[in-house]
Amino acid sequence: MIIFSVLSSIFGLVAKTITISSSGNEFLNSSYFSSNYIYREVASADYIIKNENKNSLGFALVNVFNAKKGKKYRYVYYVFSDSSIKRKALVRNSIFEGNLITGKTGTNIIAKNIKSVDSTVNDEIIKLNIEHELNGISKKYEIEIINRTFGEIK
């Protein structure tokens, strides 16, 4: 009976350790992917503008490209909803007036199991504080991106 009790305790401890280790790997993978994805997209943007869409992180990225029928504008912005950071994007033939991006967007989930996101956006920096939560364990990380292209689209 004592041997069974000791073995079940050891197996319980091993299972808990594996769960914690797995959660740690999930945090690292998700935070690495999401932070690098957002960073690369911000760095490649032609313009960064304010965004006031519901649940938006406060900024939108604009890339201008030439098509056969004139200029096209790709708008990308991120939202925090349903415990996820989502990327929303759409392409238009014209510039949006104001800080709301409307129309049918494509949506991709960039990170799951997100507890909270706080963002600070100004003319000089985009700062995101993200908190992941998985299996009752929370981890926070911060992304800071120098904002080199904030302003009006020309």
Foldseek 3Di string as FASTA:
>chain_A
DVVVVVVVVVVVVVVVVVQVVVVVVLVVVLVVQLLVVVQVQLVPAQEKEFADPPQWLGIKGWHWDADPVGIKIKIWTWGDDPQFIKIWIDIDPDDDDDRYDDDDTDIDTSHHQWPDWHWDDDQFKIKIWTWHADPRDIDIDMHIHTRDHYDDDD
